[in-house]
């Protein structure tokens, strides 16, 4: 009987974790400097590097914050910035 209760308890814990897991996200540290590998592609017609796309994907949750910051808006919202974002397969943020 005790094993059955323990099995049921374990199953409840597993279900609760499975339900909550999608809500847990890894914290992203917003750092515009991390996007420095993208500067060449933003300012020229060259395609973004894989390192640029990787960093851009990591910083995706930060893009709206960068757009709202006058110091960084010109890079993210520029035609070159939009080209790099879409070339990396990231939807252009609508903030």
Protein backbone atom coordinates (compact mmCIF):
# COMPACT_ATOMS: atom_id res chain seq x y z
CA UNK A 1 0.00 0.00 0.00
CA UNK A 2 2.82 2.43 0.85
CA UNK A 3 4.51 1.77 -2.51
CA UNK A 4 1.24 2.57 -4.30
CA UNK A 5 0.92 5.92 -2.47
CA UNK A 6 4.54 6.75 -3.24
CA UNK A 7 3.99 5.91 -6.91
CA UNK A 8 0.91 8.14 -7.06
CA UNK A 9 2.80 10.97 -5.31
CA UNK A 10 5.69 10.65 -7.72
CA UNK A 11 3.31 10.72 -10.68
CA UNK A 12 1.66 13.91 -9.34
CA UNK A 13 5.07 15.59 -9.00
CA UNK A 14 6.04 14.59 -12.54
CA UNK A 15 2.77 16.00 -13.93
CA UNK A 16 3.18 19.26 -12.01
CA UNK A 17 6.74 19.68 -13.27
CA UNK A 18 5.64 18.92 -16.84
CA UNK A 19 2.90 21.57 -16.59
CA UNK A 20 5.21 24.21 -15.11
CA UNK A 21 8.25 23.49 -17.31
CA UNK A 22 7.04 25.50 -20.32
CA UNK A 23 6.54 28.52 -18.05
CA UNK A 24 10.13 28.40 -16.82
CA UNK A 25 12.49 30.32 -19.05
CA UNK A 26 16.15 30.87 -18.80
CA UNK A 27 16.96 34.44 -17.85
CA UNK A 28 18.56 36.46 -20.60
CA UNK A 29 21.03 39.18 -19.78
CA UNK A 30 20.37 41.97 -22.25
CA UNK A 31 23.71 43.13 -23.55
CA UNK A 32 23.89 45.10 -26.80
CA UNK A 33 27.63 44.41 -26.85
CA UNK A 34 26.77 40.73 -27.43
CA UNK A 35 25.44 41.76 -30.83
CA UNK A 36 28.79 43.17 -31.98
CA UNK A 37 29.30 40.22 -34.40
CA UNK A 38 26.31 41.62 -36.31
CA UNK A 39 27.65 45.14 -36.85
CA UNK A 40 29.37 44.33 -40.16
CA UNK A 41 26.21 42.79 -41.60
CA UNK A 42 24.03 45.65 -40.34
CA UNK A 43 26.23 48.33 -41.91
CA UNK A 44 26.91 46.54 -45.21
CA UNK A 45 25.22 44.19 -47.60
CA UNK A 46 27.15 41.15 -46.36
CA UNK A 47 25.10 38.29 -44.90
CA UNK A 48 25.15 37.77 -41.13
CA UNK A 49 27.57 35.21 -39.74
CA UNK A 50 26.39 32.17 -37.82
CA UNK A 51 27.84 33.76 -34.68
CA UNK A 52 25.76 36.88 -35.34
CA UNK A 53 22.57 34.84 -35.73
CA UNK A 54 23.33 32.83 -32.60
CA UNK A 55 23.82 35.98 -30.54
CA UNK A 56 20.76 37.60 -32.08
CA UNK A 57 18.64 34.58 -31.16
CA UNK A 58 19.98 34.72 -27.60
CA UNK A 59 19.16 38.43 -27.39
CA UNK A 60 15.72 38.10 -29.06
CA UNK A 61 13.81 38.85 -25.81
CA UNK A 62 15.80 42.09 -25.55
CA UNK A 63 15.08 43.49 -29.01
CA UNK A 64 12.05 45.56 -27.96
CA UNK A 65 14.10 47.11 -25.17
CA UNK A 66 16.80 48.01 -27.68
CA UNK A 67 14.21 49.52 -30.03
CA UNK A 68 12.85 51.66 -27.18
CA UNK A 69 16.35 52.87 -26.30
CA UNK A 70 17.35 55.86 -28.48
CA UNK A 71 21.00 54.77 -28.36
CA UNK A 72 20.28 51.38 -29.95
CA UNK A 73 17.08 51.96 -31.94
CA UNK A 74 19.01 53.10 -35.02
CA UNK A 75 20.73 49.71 -35.27
CA UNK A 76 17.78 47.42 -34.67
CA UNK A 77 15.21 49.44 -36.64
CA UNK A 78 17.44 50.35 -39.56
CA UNK A 79 16.97 48.62 -42.92
CA UNK A 80 20.27 46.79 -42.30
CA UNK A 81 19.17 45.71 -38.84
CA UNK A 82 15.84 44.42 -40.13
CA UNK A 83 17.65 42.59 -42.95
CA UNK A 84 19.96 40.85 -40.47
CA UNK A 85 17.09 39.96 -38.12
CA UNK A 86 15.04 38.39 -40.89
CA UNK A 87 18.10 36.70 -42.45
CA UNK A 88 18.65 34.97 -39.12
CA UNK A 89 15.08 33.67 -39.16
CA UNK A 90 13.83 35.92 -36.40
CA UNK A 91 10.53 37.77 -36.81
CA UNK A 92 10.88 41.54 -36.85
CA UNK A 93 9.69 42.62 -33.39
CA UNK A 94 6.54 44.73 -33.11
CA UNK A 95 6.82 46.59 -29.85
